[in-house]
Full PDB file with SEQRES, HELIX, SHEET, SSBOND, CRYST1, ORIGX, SCALE, CONECT and MASTER records, all heavy atoms in Angstrom:
SEQRES   1 A   31  ALA GLN MET ARG ASP LEU VAL THR GLU LEU PHE GLY PRO          
SEQRES   2 A   31  LEU VAL GLN GLN GLU ALA GLN ASP ARG VAL ALA ALA PRO          
SEQRES   3 A   31  GLU GLU ALA LEU ASP                                          
HELIX    1 AA1 GLN A    2  ALA A   24  1                                  23    
HELIX    2 AA2 PRO A   26  LEU A   30  1                                   5    
CRYST1    1.000    1.000    1.000  90.00  90.00  90.00 P 1           1          
ORIGX1      1.000000  0.000000  0.000000        0.00000                         
ORIGX2      0.000000  1.000000  0.000000        0.00000                         
ORIGX3      0.000000  0.000000  1.000000        0.00000                         
SCALE1      1.000000  0.000000  0.000000        0.00000                         
SCALE2      0.000000  1.000000  0.000000        0.00000                         
SCALE3      0.000000  0.000000  1.000000        0.00000                         
ATOM      1  N   ALA A   1      46.237  27.157  39.928  1.00  0.00           N  
ATOM      2  CA  ALA A   1      44.989  27.841  39.577  1.00  0.00           C  
ATOM      3  C   ALA A   1      44.533  27.427  38.180  1.00  0.00           C  
ATOM      4  O   ALA A   1      43.339  27.190  37.953  1.00  0.00           O  
ATOM      5  CB  ALA A   1      45.178  29.350  39.667  1.00  0.00           C  
ATOM      6  N   GLN A   2      45.477  27.311  37.247  1.00  0.00           N  
ATOM      7  CA  GLN A   2      45.130  26.862  35.901  1.00  0.00           C  
ATOM      8  C   GLN A   2      44.611  25.429  35.920  1.00  0.00           C  
ATOM      9  O   GLN A   2      43.645  25.096  35.220  1.00  0.00           O  
ATOM     10  CB  GLN A   2      46.343  26.967  34.974  1.00  0.00           C  
ATOM     11  CG  GLN A   2      46.746  28.375  34.644  1.00  0.00           C  
ATOM     12  CD  GLN A   2      48.016  28.412  33.795  1.00  0.00           C  
ATOM     13  OE1 GLN A   2      48.364  27.441  33.134  1.00  0.00           O  
ATOM     14  NE2 GLN A   2      48.707  29.539  33.832  1.00  0.00           N  
ATOM     15  N   MET A   3      45.240  24.568  36.716  1.00  0.00           N  
ATOM     16  CA  MET A   3      44.804  23.176  36.823  1.00  0.00           C  
ATOM     17  C   MET A   3      43.394  23.105  37.400  1.00  0.00           C  
ATOM     18  O   MET A   3      42.555  22.332  36.948  1.00  0.00           O  
ATOM     19  CB  MET A   3      45.786  22.366  37.667  1.00  0.00           C  
ATOM     20  CG  MET A   3      45.406  20.898  37.812  1.00  0.00           C  
ATOM     21  SD  MET A   3      45.329  19.967  36.274  1.00  0.00           S  
ATOM     22  CE  MET A   3      47.054  19.609  36.016  1.00  0.00           C  
ATOM     23  N   ARG A   4      43.130  23.927  38.415  1.00  0.00           N  
ATOM     24  CA  ARG A   4      41.785  23.964  39.004  1.00  0.00           C  
ATOM     25  C   ARG A   4      40.748  24.325  37.946  1.00  0.00           C  
ATOM     26  O   ARG A   4      39.681  23.712  37.875  1.00  0.00           O  
ATOM     27  CB  ARG A   4      41.751  24.961  40.153  1.00  0.00           C  
ATOM     28  CG  ARG A   4      40.388  25.029  40.845  1.00  0.00           C  
ATOM     29  CD  ARG A   4      40.299  26.113  41.885  1.00  0.00           C  
ATOM     30  NE  ARG A   4      40.465  27.397  41.215  1.00  0.00           N  
ATOM     31  CZ  ARG A   4      41.168  28.406  41.675  1.00  0.00           C  
ATOM     32  NH1 ARG A   4      41.791  28.313  42.823  1.00  0.00           N  
ATOM     33  NH2 ARG A   4      41.269  29.534  41.003  1.00  0.00           N  
ATOM     34  N   ASP A   5      41.062  25.303  37.094  1.00  0.00           N  
ATOM     35  CA  ASP A   5      40.143  25.687  36.029  1.00  0.00           C  
ATOM     36  C   ASP A   5      39.917  24.543  35.044  1.00  0.00           C  
ATOM     37  O   ASP A   5      38.779  24.305  34.613  1.00  0.00           O  
ATOM     38  CB  ASP A   5      40.668  26.921  35.294  1.00  0.00           C  
ATOM     39  CG  ASP A   5      40.662  28.170  36.165  1.00  0.00           C  
ATOM     40  OD1 ASP A   5      39.941  28.193  37.203  1.00  0.00           O  
ATOM     41  OD2 ASP A   5      41.373  29.133  35.806  1.00  0.00           O  
ATOM     42  N   LEU A   6      40.978  23.831  34.703  1.00  0.00           N  
ATOM     43  CA  LEU A   6      40.831  22.694  33.790  1.00  0.00           C  
ATOM     44  C   LEU A   6      39.983  21.585  34.403  1.00  0.00           C  
ATOM     45  O   LEU A   6      39.156  20.974  33.727  1.00  0.00           O  
ATOM     46  CB  LEU A   6      42.211  22.151  33.398  1.00  0.00           C  
ATOM     47  CG  LEU A   6      43.055  23.023  32.478  1.00  0.00           C  
ATOM     48  CD1 LEU A   6      44.439  22.406  32.282  1.00  0.00           C  
ATOM     49  CD2 LEU A   6      42.369  23.222  31.145  1.00  0.00           C  
ATOM     50  N   VAL A   7      40.182  21.328  35.688  1.00  0.00           N  
ATOM     51  CA  VAL A   7      39.394  20.297  36.372  1.00  0.00           C  
ATOM     52  C   VAL A   7      37.924  20.722  36.421  1.00  0.00           C  
ATOM     53  O   VAL A   7      37.018  19.900  36.201  1.00  0.00           O  
ATOM     54  CB  VAL A   7      39.952  20.035  37.790  1.00  0.00           C  
ATOM     55  CG1 VAL A   7      39.000  19.177  38.604  1.00  0.00           C  
ATOM     56  CG2 VAL A   7      41.315  19.368  37.697  1.00  0.00           C  
ATOM     57  N   THR A   8      37.672  21.998  36.667  1.00  0.00           N  
ATOM     58  CA  THR A   8      36.297  22.503  36.686  1.00  0.00           C  
ATOM     59  C   THR A   8      35.648  22.320  35.320  1.00  0.00           C  
ATOM     60  O   THR A   8      34.492  21.906  35.225  1.00  0.00           O  
ATOM     61  CB  THR A   8      36.286  23.987  37.088  1.00  0.00           C  
ATOM     62  OG1 THR A   8      36.865  24.106  38.393  1.00  0.00           O  
ATOM     63  CG2 THR A   8      34.886  24.546  37.112  1.00  0.00           C  
ATOM     64  N   GLU A   9      36.392  22.615  34.258  1.00  0.00           N  
ATOM     65  CA  GLU A   9      35.873  22.412  32.905  1.00  0.00           C  
ATOM     66  C   GLU A   9      35.584  20.939  32.637  1.00  0.00           C  
ATOM     67  O   GLU A   9      34.590  20.590  32.003  1.00  0.00           O  
ATOM     68  CB  GLU A   9      36.874  22.922  31.868  1.00  0.00           C  
ATOM     69  CG  GLU A   9      36.984  24.421  31.783  1.00  0.00           C  
ATOM     70  CD  GLU A   9      38.037  24.859  30.782  1.00  0.00           C  
ATOM     71  OE1 GLU A   9      38.355  24.088  29.839  1.00  0.00           O  
ATOM     72  OE2 GLU A   9      38.559  25.972  30.940  1.00  0.00           O  
ATOM     73  N   LEU A  10      36.465  20.073  33.110  1.00  0.00           N  
ATOM     74  CA  LEU A  10      36.304  18.641  32.879  1.00  0.00           C  
ATOM     75  C   LEU A  10      35.085  18.083  33.602  1.00  0.00           C  
ATOM     76  O   LEU A  10      34.291  17.341  33.039  1.00  0.00           O  
ATOM     77  CB  LEU A  10      37.571  17.889  33.324  1.00  0.00           C  
ATOM     78  CG  LEU A  10      37.522  16.361  33.241  1.00  0.00           C  
ATOM     79  CD1 LEU A  10      37.417  15.900  31.795  1.00  0.00           C  
ATOM     80  CD2 LEU A  10      38.751  15.766  33.891  1.00  0.00           C  
ATOM     81  N   PHE A  11      34.935  18.467  34.878  1.00  0.00           N  
ATOM     82  CA  PHE A  11      33.868  17.882  35.684  1.00  0.00           C  
ATOM     83  C   PHE A  11      32.582  18.686  35.665  1.00  0.00           C  
ATOM     84  O   PHE A  11      31.559  18.209  36.153  1.00  0.00           O  
ATOM     85  CB  PHE A  11      34.334  17.699  37.130  1.00  0.00           C  
ATOM     86  CG  PHE A  11      35.334  16.587  37.282  1.00  0.00           C  
ATOM     87  CD1 PHE A  11      36.633  16.862  37.650  1.00  0.00           C  
ATOM     88  CD2 PHE A  11      34.982  15.278  37.038  1.00  0.00           C  
ATOM     89  CE1 PHE A  11      37.566  15.858  37.782  1.00  0.00           C  
ATOM     90  CE2 PHE A  11      35.903  14.254  37.168  1.00  0.00           C  
ATOM     91  CZ  PHE A  11      37.204  14.551  37.543  1.00  0.00           C  
ATOM     92  N   GLY A  12      32.594  19.885  35.123  1.00  0.00           N  
ATOM     93  CA  GLY A  12      31.389  20.716  35.085  1.00  0.00           C  
ATOM     94  C   GLY A  12      30.184  20.006  34.496  1.00  0.00           C  
ATOM     95  O   GLY A  12      29.122  19.936  35.121  1.00  0.00           O  
ATOM     96  N   PRO A  13      30.295  19.440  33.299  1.00  0.00           N  
ATOM     97  CA  PRO A  13      29.147  18.736  32.715  1.00  0.00           C  
ATOM     98  C   PRO A  13      28.697  17.532  33.548  1.00  0.00           C  
ATOM     99  O   PRO A  13      27.508  17.250  33.647  1.00  0.00           O  
ATOM    100  CB  PRO A  13      29.658  18.276  31.346  1.00  0.00           C  
ATOM    101  CG  PRO A  13      30.798  19.181  31.025  1.00  0.00           C  
ATOM    102  CD  PRO A  13      31.410  19.543  32.345  1.00  0.00           C  
ATOM    103  N   LEU A  14      29.636  16.837  34.166  1.00  0.00           N  
ATOM    104  CA  LEU A  14      29.268  15.684  34.997  1.00  0.00           C  
ATOM    105  C   LEU A  14      28.492  16.122  36.234  1.00  0.00           C  
ATOM    106  O   LEU A  14      27.522  15.482  36.627  1.00  0.00           O  
ATOM    107  CB  LEU A  14      30.523  14.914  35.413  1.00  0.00           C  
ATOM    108  CG  LEU A  14      31.327  14.264  34.290  1.00  0.00           C  
ATOM    109  CD1 LEU A  14      32.618  13.683  34.835  1.00  0.00           C  
ATOM    110  CD2 LEU A  14      30.513  13.212  33.589  1.00  0.00           C  
ATOM    111  N   VAL A  15      28.916  17.220  36.839  1.00  0.00           N  
ATOM    112  CA  VAL A  15      28.235  17.741  38.025  1.00  0.00           C  
ATOM    113  C   VAL A  15      26.835  18.205  37.654  1.00  0.00           C  
ATOM    114  O   VAL A  15      25.870  17.940  38.377  1.00  0.00           O  
ATOM    115  CB  VAL A  15      29.059  18.876  38.675  1.00  0.00           C  
ATOM    116  CG1 VAL A  15      28.271  19.581  39.751  1.00  0.00           C  
ATOM    117  CG2 VAL A  15      30.358  18.333  39.226  1.00  0.00           C  
ATOM    118  N   GLN A  16      26.705  18.880  36.524  1.00  0.00           N  
ATOM    119  CA  GLN A  16      25.392  19.338  36.079  1.00  0.00           C  
ATOM    120  C   GLN A  16      24.465  18.165  35.806  1.00  0.00           C  
ATOM    121  O   GLN A  16      23.291  18.186  36.165  1.00  0.00           O  
ATOM    122  CB  GLN A  16      25.524  20.205  34.834  1.00  0.00           C  
ATOM    123  CG  GLN A  16      26.145  21.550  35.106  1.00  0.00           C  
ATOM    124  CD  GLN A  16      26.365  22.351  33.833  1.00  0.00           C  
ATOM    125  OE1 GLN A  16      26.136  21.861  32.725  1.00  0.00           O  
ATOM    126  NE2 GLN A  16      26.827  23.584  33.988  1.00  0.00           N  
ATOM    127  N   GLN A  17      24.987  17.122  35.173  1.00  0.00           N  
ATOM    128  CA  GLN A  17      24.176  15.938  34.884  1.00  0.00           C  
ATOM    129  C   GLN A  17      23.714  15.270  36.169  1.00  0.00           C  
ATOM    130  O   GLN A  17      22.563  14.876  36.287  1.00  0.00           O  
ATOM    131  CB  GLN A  17      24.962  14.931  34.024  1.00  0.00           C  
ATOM    132  CG  GLN A  17      24.183  13.686  33.674  1.00  0.00           C  
ATOM    133  CD  GLN A  17      22.956  13.980  32.837  1.00  0.00           C  
ATOM    134  OE1 GLN A  17      23.018  14.795  31.920  1.00  0.00           O  
ATOM    135  NE2 GLN A  17      21.850  13.344  33.127  1.00  0.00           N  
ATOM    136  N   GLU A  18      24.604  15.169  37.164  1.00  0.00           N  
ATOM    137  CA  GLU A  18      24.228  14.560  38.432  1.00  0.00           C  
ATOM    138  C   GLU A  18      23.159  15.389  39.131  1.00  0.00           C  
ATOM    139  O   GLU A  18      22.219  14.844  39.703  1.00  0.00           O  
ATOM    140  CB  GLU A  18      25.449  14.408  39.336  1.00  0.00           C  
ATOM    141  CG  GLU A  18      25.131  13.704  40.642  1.00  0.00           C  
ATOM    142  CD  GLU A  18      26.358  13.503  41.500  1.00  0.00           C  
ATOM    143  OE1 GLU A  18      27.456  13.355  40.957  1.00  0.00           O  
ATOM    144  OE2 GLU A  18      26.185  13.484  42.733  1.00  0.00           O  
ATOM    145  N   ALA A  19      23.280  16.704  39.072  1.00  0.00           N  
ATOM    146  CA  ALA A  19      22.278  17.583  39.687  1.00  0.00           C  
ATOM    147  C   ALA A  19      20.935  17.410  38.995  1.00  0.00           C  
ATOM    148  O   ALA A  19      19.889  17.362  39.660  1.00  0.00           O  
ATOM    149  CB  ALA A  19      22.738  19.025  39.628  1.00  0.00           C  
ATOM    150  N   GLN A  20      20.937  17.281  37.683  1.00  0.00           N  
ATOM    151  CA  GLN A  20      19.687  17.068  36.953  1.00  0.00           C  
ATOM    152  C   GLN A  20      19.080  15.718  37.313  1.00  0.00           C  
ATOM    153  O   GLN A  20      17.864  15.589  37.435  1.00  0.00           O  
ATOM    154  CB  GLN A  20      19.938  17.161  35.454  1.00  0.00           C  
ATOM    155  CG  GLN A  20      20.233  18.563  34.988  1.00  0.00           C  
ATOM    156  CD  GLN A  20      20.622  18.616  33.517  1.00  0.00           C  
ATOM    157  OE1 GLN A  20      20.745  17.583  32.856  1.00  0.00           O  
ATOM    158  NE2 GLN A  20      20.833  19.819  33.006  1.00  0.00           N  
ATOM    159  N   ASP A  21      19.918  14.705  37.464  1.00  0.00           N  
ATOM    160  CA  ASP A  21      19.414  13.382  37.838  1.00  0.00           C  
ATOM    161  C   ASP A  21      18.769  13.411  39.210  1.00  0.00           C  
ATOM    162  O   ASP A  21      17.761  12.753  39.450  1.00  0.00           O  
ATOM    163  CB  ASP A  21      20.541  12.350  37.805  1.00  0.00           C  
ATOM    164  CG  ASP A  21      21.036  12.065  36.390  1.00  0.00           C  
ATOM    165  OD1 ASP A  21      20.348  12.466  35.424  1.00  0.00           O  
ATOM    166  OD2 ASP A  21      22.121  11.462  36.257  1.00  0.00           O  
ATOM    167  N   ARG A  22      19.346  14.162  40.140  1.00  0.00           N  
ATOM    168  CA  ARG A  22      18.774  14.251  41.481  1.00  0.00           C  
ATOM    169  C   ARG A  22      17.432  14.963  41.478  1.00  0.00           C  
ATOM    170  O   ARG A  22      16.531  14.611  42.205  1.00  0.00           O  
ATOM    171  CB  ARG A  22      19.741  14.957  42.431  1.00  0.00           C  
ATOM    172  CG  ARG A  22      20.927  14.118  42.775  1.00  0.00           C  
ATOM    173  CD  ARG A  22      21.807  14.793  43.777  1.00  0.00           C  
ATOM    174  NE  ARG A  22      22.973  13.977  44.066  1.00  0.00           N  
ATOM    175  CZ  ARG A  22      23.876  14.277  44.947  1.00  0.00           C  
ATOM    176  NH1 ARG A  22      23.777  15.380  45.648  1.00  0.00           N  
ATOM    177  NH2 ARG A  22      24.898  13.481  45.144  1.00  0.00           N  
ATOM    178  N   VAL A  23      17.296  15.988  40.641  1.00  0.00           N  
ATOM    179  CA  VAL A  23      16.037  16.723  40.537  1.00  0.00           C  
ATOM    180  C   VAL A  23      14.988  15.837  39.887  1.00  0.00           C  
ATOM    181  O   VAL A  23      13.823  15.864  40.269  1.00  0.00           O  
ATOM    182  CB  VAL A  23      16.237  18.031  39.733  1.00  0.00           C  
ATOM    183  CG1 VAL A  23      14.910  18.680  39.411  1.00  0.00           C  
ATOM    184  CG2 VAL A  23      17.120  18.985  40.517  1.00  0.00           C  
ATOM    185  N   ALA A  24      15.393  15.020  38.927  1.00  0.00           N  
ATOM    186  CA  ALA A  24      14.461  14.153  38.209  1.00  0.00           C  
ATOM    187  C   ALA A  24      13.926  13.027  39.085  1.00  0.00           C  
ATOM    188  O   ALA A  24      12.833  12.525  38.865  1.00  0.00           O  
ATOM    189  CB  ALA A  24      15.134  13.571  36.979  1.00  0.00           C  
ATOM    190  N   ALA A  25      14.655  12.600  40.103  1.00  0.00           N  
ATOM    191  CA  ALA A  25      14.238  11.476  40.945  1.00  0.00           C  
ATOM    192  C   ALA A  25      14.323  11.858  42.422  1.00  0.00           C  
ATOM    193  O   ALA A  25      15.063  11.246  43.183  1.00  0.00           O  
ATOM    194  CB  ALA A  25      15.107  10.274  40.652  1.00  0.00           C  
ATOM    195  N   PRO A  26      13.518  12.839  42.894  1.00  0.00           N  
ATOM    196  CA  PRO A  26      13.632  13.251  44.298  1.00  0.00           C  
ATOM    197  C   PRO A  26      13.083  12.225  45.279  1.00  0.00           C  
ATOM    198  O   PRO A  26      13.497  12.182  46.419  1.00  0.00           O  
ATOM    199  CB  PRO A  26      12.828  14.552  44.351  1.00  0.00           C  
ATOM    200  CG  PRO A  26      11.835  14.414  43.245  1.00  0.00           C  
ATOM    201  CD  PRO A  26      12.559  13.638  42.167  1.00  0.00           C  
ATOM    202  N   GLU A  27      12.158  11.355  44.846  1.00  0.00           N  
ATOM    203  CA  GLU A  27      11.599  10.392  45.801  1.00  0.00           C  
ATOM    204  C   GLU A  27      12.647   9.408  46.293  1.00  0.00           C  
ATOM    205  O   GLU A  27      12.590   8.944  47.427  1.00  0.00           O  
ATOM    206  CB  GLU A  27      10.407   9.654  45.205  1.00  0.00           C  
ATOM    207  CG  GLU A  27      10.721   8.784  43.994  1.00  0.00           C  
ATOM    208  CD  GLU A  27      10.718   9.560  42.680  1.00  0.00           C  
ATOM    209  OE1 GLU A  27      10.395  10.755  42.685  1.00  0.00           O  
ATOM    210  OE2 GLU A  27      11.064   8.972  41.652  1.00  0.00           O  
ATOM    211  N   GLU A  28      13.637   9.087  45.474  1.00  0.00           N  
ATOM    212  CA  GLU A  28      14.701   8.200  45.924  1.00  0.00           C  
ATOM    213  C   GLU A  28      15.561   8.867  46.984  1.00  0.00           C  
ATOM    214  O   GLU A  28      15.984   8.240  47.940  1.00  0.00           O  
ATOM    215  CB  GLU A  28      15.570   7.767  44.749  1.00  0.00           C  
ATOM    216  CG  GLU A  28      14.873   6.814  43.810  1.00  0.00           C  
ATOM    217  CD  GLU A  28      15.775   6.387  42.672  1.00  0.00           C  
ATOM    218  OE1 GLU A  28      17.003   6.479  42.840  1.00  0.00           O  
ATOM    219  OE2 GLU A  28      15.269   5.964  41.636  1.00  0.00           O  
ATOM    220  N   ALA A  29      15.810  10.153  46.808  1.00  0.00           N  
ATOM    221  CA  ALA A  29      16.637  10.875  47.775  1.00  0.00           C  
ATOM    222  C   ALA A  29      15.922  10.995  49.114  1.00  0.00           C  
ATOM    223  O   ALA A  29      16.530  10.902  50.175  1.00  0.00           O  
ATOM    224  CB  ALA A  29      16.986  12.263  47.239  1.00  0.00           C  
ATOM    225  N   LEU A  30      14.616  11.180  49.070  1.00  0.00           N  
ATOM    226  CA  LEU A  30      13.857  11.295  50.320  1.00  0.00           C  
ATOM    227  C   LEU A  30      13.701   9.952  51.002  1.00  0.00           C  
ATOM    228  O   LEU A  30      13.648   9.870  52.223  1.00  0.00           O  
ATOM    229  CB  LEU A  30      12.468  11.887  50.029  1.00  0.00           C  
ATOM    230  CG  LEU A  30      12.453  13.331  49.537  1.00  0.00           C  
ATOM    231  CD1 LEU A  30      11.030  13.746  49.184  1.00  0.00           C  
ATOM    232  CD2 LEU A  30      13.033  14.270  50.573  1.00  0.00           C  
ATOM    233  N   ASP A  31      13.633   8.894  50.211  1.00  0.00           N  
ATOM    234  CA  ASP A  31      13.442   7.562  50.759  1.00  0.00           C  
ATOM    235  C   ASP A  31      14.664   7.101  51.534  1.00  0.00           C  
ATOM    236  O   ASP A  31      14.559   6.381  52.511  1.00  0.00           O  
ATOM    237  CB  ASP A  31      13.130   6.589  49.612  1.00  0.00           C  
ATOM    238  CG  ASP A  31      12.827   5.196  50.106  1.00  0.00           C  
ATOM    239  OD1 ASP A  31      12.253   5.076  51.192  1.00  0.00           O  
ATOM    240  OD2 ASP A  31      13.167   4.234  49.406  1.00  0.00           O  
TER     241      ASP A  31                                                      
MASTER        0    0    0    2    0    0    0    6  240    1    0    3          
END                                                                             
């Protein structure tokens, strides 16, 4: 459980950045 929390902390910013990138370029996702 502690390791899961550490992994979430590590990848949290990366996941948020990827989500922002997808919102910024929706035409590529639809294409």
